[in-house]
Amino acid sequence: MNFELNDDQKEIKRAVAALCERFGNEYWRGCDERNAYPDEFVKAMTEAGWLAALIPQEYGGAGLGMLDASLILEEVNRSGGNAVACHAQMYTMAAVLKYGTPEQKQKYLPRIASGELRLQSFGVTEPDAGSETPRIKTFARREGDSYVVNGQKIFTSRFRHSDMMLLLARTTPFDEVKKKTDGMSLFLVDIKEAGSAIKAVPINTMVNHGTNQLFFDNLVLPREALIGEEGKGFSCILSSLNAERILVASQSVGDGRWFIEYATKYANERRVFGRPIGMNQGVQFPIAKAHVAVEAANLMRLNAASKFDAGLPCGPEANMAKYLTSEAAWEAGEAAMVTLGGYGFAKEYHVERKWREARLYRTAPISSNLVLSYVAEHVLGLPRSY
């Protein structure tokens, strides 16, 4: 096994880091304080081709691998930014790429690659169906060659900054299927065409993710909006979930490294009692422990991404990478907060923003406890706990 990045991958990191230098900590603090979408940053990432990293070259993308794509998002977060503003564009299209018809791929993928279409929104979670996806109630009723959708979704990010969204809805009632993950279908929704049939209500959260609750009122979708086979939508979204976990893990690696680098710099410069606070083991050890945790977690991220690129099963690795990196980033954030003391709470020092952002990944896109349940059942063979 070779854990060293090749020259092309090192150049990807350098190029993304150079782009991110144009959008420093003050830019991101401003977006956070205004609860504003970072349009300028997303535009720059799109024009540079980074958001089309995983789209094959035949559709206008870069045709890069998952490891390459993960390095892109790592650098965004390591620079002090927040890749969640645009990371969905990398993984939501996976369902279209894998299960879409040739016509759907040709119609949408080149336009997503160019930035003409933004596919940033993914409607799955509902008020009564969070981690228990089969319990969703949003229903798409077949009427001739169309589907009529009614229901609601919650914690749907970036809806107002997307042209298209993926939507998971039931097409067969839960109590009429033999397997609980059957009977759900995946749709690609044109948000502009949907118009008033979708009502978005903003949800104010502690992180600036443009989060909404969505209400679907007799939304009519053509048969061509269906991705894959009717009733097999859950299988379709699985193609996106491992990619999502690996990419989110990469953002956590970036967050962890940002915290460690920031805390280290501050600990070297801040002087108390006539010497830098970094001389004190009480300051050194938390930063050092966090560094060890981040670097160890990064190895699982590299393992998961490498397996993904090789076409090998990587569910356990993707989930464990998400768990380890999010926990390590949180430990690093805590170390940075302790190192800065009261200044850690001051917005001008940026740590409190990154601290809030890093905390999310212990809960989403899959909670740390659910990862442990997955590992217990599917890796260790323990009885199912839920």
Protein backbone atom coordinates (compact mmCIF):
# COMPACT_ATOMS: atom_id res chain seq x y z
CA MET A 1 0.00 0.00 0.00
CA ASN A 2 1.21 3.47 -0.91
CA PHE A 3 -0.19 6.32 1.15
CA GLU A 4 1.70 9.01 -0.75
CA LEU A 5 -0.24 11.23 -3.14
CA ASN A 6 0.97 11.26 -6.73
CA ASP A 7 2.11 14.42 -8.51
CA ASP A 8 -1.29 15.05 -10.09
CA GLN A 9 -3.02 14.81 -6.72
CA LYS A 10 -0.50 17.15 -5.13
CA GLU A 11 -1.14 19.61 -7.95
CA ILE A 12 -4.91 19.37 -7.34
CA LYS A 13 -4.35 20.34 -3.71
CA ARG A 14 -2.08 23.23 -4.69
CA ALA A 15 -4.50 24.54 -7.31
CA VAL A 16 -7.54 24.37 -5.04
CA ALA A 17 -5.59 25.99 -2.20
CA ALA A 18 -4.60 28.83 -4.56
CA LEU A 19 -8.23 29.40 -5.52
CA CYS A 20 -9.29 29.38 -1.89
CA GLU A 21 -6.74 32.07 -1.03
CA ARG A 22 -9.08 34.47 -2.84
CA PHE A 23 -11.78 33.62 -0.29
CA GLY A 24 -10.18 33.91 3.10
CA ASN A 25 -11.54 33.73 6.61
CA GLU A 26 -13.08 37.20 6.43
CA TYR A 27 -15.09 36.22 3.34
CA TRP A 28 -16.52 33.17 5.09
CA ARG A 29 -17.20 35.08 8.30
CA GLY A 30 -19.14 37.64 6.27
CA CYS A 31 -21.24 34.95 4.61
CA ASP A 32 -21.93 33.38 7.99
CA GLU A 33 -22.96 36.64 9.64
CA ARG A 34 -25.28 37.56 6.74
CA ASN A 35 -26.54 33.98 6.41
CA ALA A 36 -25.57 34.41 2.76
CA TYR A 37 -24.84 31.80 0.14
CA PRO A 38 -21.21 32.07 -1.07
CA ASP A 39 -22.14 32.68 -4.71
CA GLU A 40 -18.75 34.07 -5.69
CA PHE A 41 -16.91 31.08 -4.28
CA VAL A 42 -19.24 28.52 -5.85
CA LYS A 43 -18.96 30.31 -9.19
CA ALA A 44 -15.16 30.23 -8.99
CA MET A 45 -15.17 26.53 -8.12
CA THR A 46 -17.54 25.82 -11.00
CA GLU A 47 -15.54 27.80 -13.54
CA ALA A 48 -12.37 26.03 -12.45
CA GLY A 49 -14.08 22.69 -13.12
CA TRP A 50 -13.68 21.37 -9.58
CA LEU A 51 -17.38 20.68 -9.02
CA ALA A 52 -17.45 18.54 -12.17
CA ALA A 53 -14.59 16.40 -10.89
CA LEU A 54 -16.54 13.12 -10.84
CA ILE A 55 -18.47 13.63 -14.08
CA PRO A 56 -16.92 11.62 -16.94
CA GLN A 57 -15.10 13.54 -19.65
CA GLU A 58 -17.64 12.43 -22.27
CA TYR A 59 -20.18 14.61 -20.47
CA GLY A 60 -17.87 17.58 -20.02
CA GLY A 61 -16.50 16.71 -16.60
CA ALA A 62 -12.98 16.11 -15.38
CA GLY A 63 -13.38 12.34 -15.03
CA LEU A 64 -11.40 12.26 -11.80
CA GLY A 65 -11.59 9.59 -9.11
CA MET A 66 -13.13 9.75 -5.66
CA LEU A 67 -9.76 10.22 -3.99
CA ASP A 68 -9.05 13.19 -6.26
CA ALA A 69 -12.47 14.69 -5.52
CA SER A 70 -12.00 14.20 -1.79
CA LEU A 71 -8.75 16.16 -1.90
CA ILE A 72 -10.60 19.09 -3.48
CA LEU A 73 -13.08 19.37 -0.62
CA GLU A 74 -10.39 18.79 2.00
CA GLU A 75 -8.50 21.83 0.75
CA VAL A 76 -11.62 24.01 0.81
CA ASN A 77 -12.17 23.31 4.50
CA ARG A 78 -8.48 23.38 5.34
CA SER A 79 -8.37 26.91 3.90
CA GLY A 80 -11.02 28.04 6.38
CA GLY A 81 -13.93 27.68 3.98
CA ASN A 82 -16.96 25.44 4.03
CA ALA A 83 -17.37 23.04 1.11
CA VAL A 84 -20.91 22.14 2.16
CA ALA A 85 -22.02 25.08 0.04
CA CYS A 86 -21.31 23.05 -3.08
CA HIS A 87 -20.27 19.50 -2.17
CA ALA A 88 -23.64 18.00 -3.12
CA GLN A 89 -22.98 18.81 -6.77
CA MET A 90 -20.28 16.15 -6.64
CA TYR A 91 -22.33 13.26 -5.27
CA THR A 92 -25.99 13.88 -6.14
CA MET A 93 -25.27 13.33 -9.81
CA ALA A 94 -24.01 9.80 -9.03
CA ALA A 95 -27.55 8.42 -9.19
CA VAL A 96 -28.10 10.04 -12.60
CA LEU A 97 -24.75 8.74 -13.84
CA LYS A 98 -25.36 5.18 -12.65
CA TYR A 99 -29.11 4.74 -13.11
CA GLY A 100 -30.16 7.44 -15.56
CA THR A 101 -31.18 6.65 -19.11
CA PRO A 102 -28.80 7.65 -21.92
CA GLU A 103 -31.20 10.51 -22.69
CA GLN A 104 -31.17 11.73 -19.09
CA LYS A 105 -27.39 11.59 -18.88
CA GLN A 106 -26.96 13.51 -22.13
CA LYS A 107 -29.59 16.07 -21.16
CA TYR A 108 -28.37 16.85 -17.66
CA LEU A 109 -24.75 15.85 -17.00
CA PRO A 110 -23.08 18.26 -19.49
CA ARG A 111 -25.16 21.13 -18.13
CA ILE A 112 -24.30 20.19 -14.55
CA ALA A 113 -20.62 19.98 -15.50
CA SER A 114 -20.66 23.43 -17.10
CA GLY A 115 -22.52 24.99 -14.19
CA GLU A 116 -25.58 25.80 -16.27
CA LEU A 117 -27.59 23.59 -13.91
CA ARG A 118 -27.00 23.44 -10.17
CA LEU A 119 -27.92 20.10 -8.61
CA GLN A 120 -27.25 20.91 -4.96
CA SER A 121 -30.41 19.74 -3.20
CA PHE A 122 -31.40 16.24 -2.07
CA GLY A 123 -34.85 15.66 -0.54
CA VAL A 124 -34.87 12.54 1.64
CA THR A 125 -35.33 13.36 5.34
CA GLU A 126 -38.81 13.97 6.74
CA PRO A 127 -40.08 15.13 10.16
CA ASP A 128 -41.02 11.55 11.11
CA ALA A 129 -38.37 9.77 9.05
CA GLY A 130 -34.80 10.80 9.72
CA SER A 131 -32.41 7.87 9.80
CA GLU A 132 -35.35 5.49 9.22
CA THR A 133 -35.67 6.34 5.53
CA PRO A 134 -38.23 3.60 4.64
CA ARG A 135 -40.76 5.40 6.84
CA ILE A 136 -40.98 8.41 4.53
CA LYS A 137 -44.54 9.46 3.73
CA THR A 138 -44.08 11.79 0.76
CA PHE A 139 -45.98 9.94 -1.95
CA ALA A 140 -45.79 10.04 -5.76
CA ARG A 141 -49.06 8.72 -7.19
CA ARG A 142 -48.91 7.42 -10.73
CA GLU A 143 -51.43 9.06 -13.06
CA GLY A 144 -50.98 7.93 -16.66
CA ASP A 145 -47.54 9.06 -17.80
CA SER A 146 -47.09 11.36 -14.83
CA TYR A 147 -46.61 11.27 -11.07
CA VAL A 148 -48.39 13.56 -8.62
CA VAL A 149 -46.33 14.22 -5.49
CA ASN A 150 -47.65 15.28 -2.09
CA GLY A 151 -45.83 15.42 1.23
CA GLN A 152 -42.97 17.21 2.93
CA LYS A 153 -39.23 17.09 3.51
CA ILE A 154 -37.11 18.68 6.21
CA PHE A 155 -33.47 19.73 6.61
CA THR A 156 -33.17 20.10 2.85
CA SER A 157 -30.13 22.29 2.23
CA ARG A 158 -29.40 24.59 -0.72
CA PHE A 159 -32.89 24.27 -2.26
CA ARG A 160 -33.02 28.00 -3.00
CA HIS A 161 -29.61 27.80 -4.66
CA SER A 162 -30.39 24.86 -6.94
CA ASP A 163 -31.99 24.46 -10.36
CA MET A 164 -32.63 20.75 -9.87
CA MET A 165 -33.15 18.50 -6.88
CA LEU A 166 -33.22 14.77 -6.28
CA LEU A 167 -36.38 13.67 -4.51
CA LEU A 168 -37.07 10.31 -2.84
CA ALA A 169 -40.77 9.50 -2.53
CA ARG A 170 -42.89 6.44 -1.93
CA THR A 171 -44.72 5.02 -4.93
CA THR A 172 -46.01 2.00 -2.99
CA PRO A 173 -47.29 2.32 0.61
CA PHE A 174 -44.95 1.04 3.30
CA ASP A 175 -47.43 -1.63 4.49
CA GLU A 176 -47.78 -3.08 0.98
CA VAL A 177 -44.14 -3.98 0.32
CA LYS A 178 -42.42 -7.22 1.29
CA LYS A 179 -39.06 -5.52 1.84
CA LYS A 180 -39.23 -2.21 3.66
CA THR A 181 -36.67 -0.55 1.39
CA ASP A 182 -38.81 -1.33 -1.67
CA GLY A 183 -41.59 0.90 -2.95
CA MET A 184 -39.58 4.15 -2.96
CA SER A 185 -38.69 5.92 -6.20
CA LEU A 186 -36.14 8.57 -7.09
CA PHE A 187 -37.01 11.63 -9.16
CA LEU A 188 -35.04 14.47 -10.69
CA VAL A 189 -37.11 17.61 -10.17
CA ASP A 190 -36.82 20.83 -12.16
CA ILE A 191 -37.37 23.39 -9.41
CA LYS A 192 -38.29 26.24 -11.75
CA GLU A 193 -40.88 24.14 -13.55
CA ALA A 194 -42.30 22.98 -10.22
CA GLY A 195 -43.10 26.56 -9.28
CA SER A 196 -45.62 27.01 -6.49
CA ALA A 197 -46.17 23.25 -6.18
CA ILE A 198 -43.11 23.30 -3.88
CA LYS A 199 -43.15 25.66 -0.92
CA ALA A 200 -39.86 26.23 0.89
CA VAL A 201 -39.81 27.42 4.49
CA PRO A 202 -36.35 28.37 5.82
CA ILE A 203 -35.05 26.70 8.98
CA ASN A 204 -32.67 28.82 11.02
CA THR A 205 -29.81 26.64 12.21
CA MET A 206 -26.49 27.29 13.91
CA VAL A 207 -24.66 26.70 10.61
CA ASN A 208 -25.15 28.63 7.38
CA HIS A 209 -26.40 25.89 5.05
CA GLY A 210 -29.52 27.43 3.50
CA THR A 211 -31.68 24.79 5.20
CA ASN A 212 -35.38 24.44 4.39
CA GLN A 213 -38.52 22.50 5.05
CA LEU A 214 -40.27 21.68 1.78
CA PHE A 215 -43.98 21.12 1.15
CA PHE A 216 -45.14 19.37 -2.02
CA ASP A 217 -48.69 20.17 -3.10
CA ASN A 218 -49.80 18.19 -6.16
CA LEU A 219 -46.42 18.48 -7.82
CA VAL A 220 -46.77 16.92 -11.27
CA LEU A 221 -43.69 15.16 -12.60
CA PRO A 222 -43.37 13.60 -16.06
CA ARG A 223 -42.43 9.94 -16.42
CA GLU A 224 -39.03 11.14 -17.65
CA ALA A 225 -38.26 12.55 -14.20
CA LEU A 226 -37.96 9.04 -12.76
CA ILE A 227 -34.37 7.93 -12.18
CA GLY A 228 -33.91 4.18 -12.42
CA GLU A 229 -36.69 1.67 -11.84
CA GLU A 230 -39.91 2.58 -10.07
CA GLY A 231 -39.91 1.23 -6.52
CA LYS A 232 -36.12 0.84 -6.45
CA GLY A 233 -35.20 4.38 -5.52
CA PHE A 234 -33.54 3.40 -2.26
CA SER A 235 -31.04 1.30 -4.19
CA CYS A 236 -30.42 4.27 -6.47
CA ILE A 237 -29.52 6.63 -3.63
CA LEU A 238 -27.11 4.09 -2.17
CA SER A 239 -24.82 4.90 -5.09
CA SER A 240 -24.61 8.41 -3.69
CA LEU A 241 -24.34 7.60 0.00
CA ASN A 242 -20.85 6.06 0.08
CA ALA A 243 -19.61 8.95 -2.05
CA GLU A 244 -21.28 11.41 0.31
CA ARG A 245 -19.68 9.84 3.37
CA ILE A 246 -16.20 9.86 1.83
CA LEU A 247 -16.53 13.46 0.69
CA VAL A 248 -17.86 14.62 4.06
CA ALA A 249 -15.02 12.72 5.76
CA SER A 250 -12.62 14.70 3.59
CA GLN A 251 -14.15 17.96 4.72
CA SER A 252 -13.67 16.85 8.32
CA VAL A 253 -10.00 16.11 7.58
CA GLY A 254 -9.73 19.64 6.24
CA ASP A 255 -11.47 21.09 9.30
CA GLY A 256 -9.22 19.13 11.65
CA ARG A 257 -6.08 20.32 9.93
CA TRP A 258 -7.32 23.93 9.94
CA PHE A 259 -7.93 23.78 13.71
CA ILE A 260 -4.53 22.23 14.39
CA GLU A 261 -2.64 24.70 12.21
CA TYR A 262 -4.53 27.67 13.66
CA ALA A 263 -4.07 26.53 17.27
CA THR A 264 -0.38 25.78 16.72
CA LYS A 265 0.25 29.22 15.25
CA TYR A 266 -1.61 30.93 18.09
CA ALA A 267 0.16 28.84 20.75
CA ASN A 268 3.54 29.88 19.32
CA GLU A 269 2.64 33.55 19.20
CA ARG A 270 0.59 34.06 22.38
CA ARG A 271 2.82 34.94 25.33
CA VAL A 272 1.75 34.63 28.97
CA PHE A 273 4.11 34.95 31.98
CA GLY A 274 6.90 35.88 29.62
CA ARG A 275 6.83 32.84 27.35
CA PRO A 276 4.69 31.35 24.55
CA ILE A 277 1.80 29.29 25.85
CA GLY A 278 2.85 26.52 23.46
CA MET A 279 5.65 25.66 25.87
CA ASN A 280 3.09 24.33 28.33
CA GLN A 281 2.20 20.65 28.02
CA GLY A 282 -1.36 21.51 29.02
CA VAL A 283 -1.57 23.39 25.71
CA GLN A 284 0.70 21.11 23.69
CA PHE A 285 -0.90 17.78 24.47
CA PRO A 286 -4.48 18.49 23.34
CA ILE A 287 -3.20 19.84 20.02
CA ALA A 288 -0.82 16.92 19.56
CA LYS A 289 -3.51 14.36 20.43
CA ALA A 290 -5.88 15.96 17.94
CA HIS A 291 -3.17 15.88 15.26
CA VAL A 292 -2.62 12.16 15.87
CA ALA A 293 -6.37 11.52 15.65
CA VAL A 294 -6.80 13.50 12.42
CA GLU A 295 -3.87 11.80 10.71
CA ALA A 296 -5.08 8.34 11.73
CA ALA A 297 -8.62 9.11 10.55
CA ASN A 298 -7.23 10.37 7.26
CA LEU A 299 -5.81 6.92 6.56
CA MET A 300 -9.31 5.45 6.69
CA ARG A 301 -10.50 8.21 4.36
CA LEU A 302 -7.75 7.30 1.88
CA ASN A 303 -8.63 3.61 2.23
CA ALA A 304 -12.34 4.23 1.57
CA ALA A 305 -11.69 6.48 -1.41
CA SER A 306 -9.19 4.02 -2.91
CA LYS A 307 -11.65 1.15 -2.61
CA PHE A 308 -14.39 3.28 -4.16
CA ASP A 309 -12.14 4.09 -7.12
CA ALA A 310 -11.24 0.42 -7.52
CA GLY A 311 -14.92 -0.51 -7.72
CA LEU A 312 -14.70 -2.55 -4.51
CA PRO A 313 -17.35 -2.67 -1.76
CA CYS A 314 -16.53 0.18 0.61
CA GLY A 315 -19.59 0.64 2.83
CA PRO A 316 -17.76 -0.17 6.09
CA GLU A 317 -14.75 1.95 5.17
CA ALA A 318 -16.86 4.92 4.03
CA ASN A 319 -18.91 4.85 7.23
CA MET A 320 -15.88 4.39 9.48
CA ALA A 321 -14.05 7.19 7.67
CA LYS A 322 -16.98 9.52 8.27
CA TYR A 323 -17.08 8.52 11.95
CA LEU A 324 -13.35 8.79 12.63
CA THR A 325 -12.78 12.05 10.77
CA SER A 326 -15.80 13.84 12.26
CA GLU A 327 -14.79 12.79 15.78
CA ALA A 328 -11.17 13.79 15.13
CA ALA A 329 -12.19 17.17 13.72
CA TRP A 330 -14.34 17.81 16.78
CA GLU A 331 -11.42 16.93 19.05
CA ALA A 332 -9.25 19.34 17.08
CA GLY A 333 -11.90 22.03 17.35
CA GLU A 334 -12.05 21.58 21.10
CA ALA A 335 -8.25 21.83 21.29
CA ALA A 336 -8.35 25.08 19.32
CA MET A 337 -11.08 26.51 21.54
CA VAL A 338 -9.12 25.63 24.68
CA THR A 339 -5.90 27.05 23.22
CA LEU A 340 -7.48 30.40 22.37
CA GLY A 341 -9.41 30.62 25.62
CA GLY A 342 -11.81 33.55 25.57
CA TYR A 343 -10.66 34.58 22.10
CA GLY A 344 -12.04 31.30 20.78
CA PHE A 345 -15.52 32.76 21.31
CA ALA A 346 -14.74 35.97 19.44
CA LYS A 347 -15.96 35.88 15.85
CA GLU A 348 -12.97 37.82 14.58
CA TYR A 349 -10.77 34.81 15.38
CA HIS A 350 -12.93 32.48 13.22
CA VAL A 351 -12.58 29.44 15.47
CA GLU A 352 -16.15 29.56 16.79
CA ARG A 353 -17.54 29.43 13.22
CA LYS A 354 -15.42 26.47 12.22
CA TRP A 355 -16.24 24.82 15.57
CA ARG A 356 -19.97 25.07 14.82
CA GLU A 357 -19.49 23.78 11.29
CA ALA A 358 -17.34 20.83 12.37
CA ARG A 359 -19.90 19.71 14.97
CA LEU A 360 -22.51 19.03 12.29
CA TYR A 361 -20.69 16.03 10.88
CA ARG A 362 -21.06 14.06 14.09
CA THR A 363 -24.81 14.17 13.31
CA ALA A 364 -25.12 14.42 9.54
CA PRO A 365 -25.26 12.95 6.97
CA ILE A 366 -25.33 9.96 9.33
CA SER A 367 -24.96 10.16 13.09
CA SER A 368 -21.96 8.69 14.84
CA ASN A 369 -24.22 6.33 16.80
CA LEU A 370 -25.82 4.99 13.63
CA VAL A 371 -22.36 4.32 12.18
CA LEU A 372 -21.53 2.29 15.28
CA SER A 373 -24.78 0.35 14.87
CA TYR A 374 -23.89 -0.30 11.23
CA VAL A 375 -20.42 -1.56 12.14
CA ALA A 376 -21.79 -3.73 14.95
CA GLU A 377 -24.33 -5.42 12.69
CA HIS A 378 -22.76 -5.49 9.23
CA VAL A 379 -19.08 -5.81 10.12
CA LEU A 380 -19.04 -7.63 13.44
CA GLY A 381 -22.18 -9.72 12.96
CA LEU A 382 -23.89 -8.59 16.16
CA PRO A 383 -27.72 -8.64 16.38
CA ARG A 384 -29.54 -5.72 14.78
CA SER A 385 -30.23 -3.10 17.45
CA TYR A 386 -33.06 -1.23 15.78
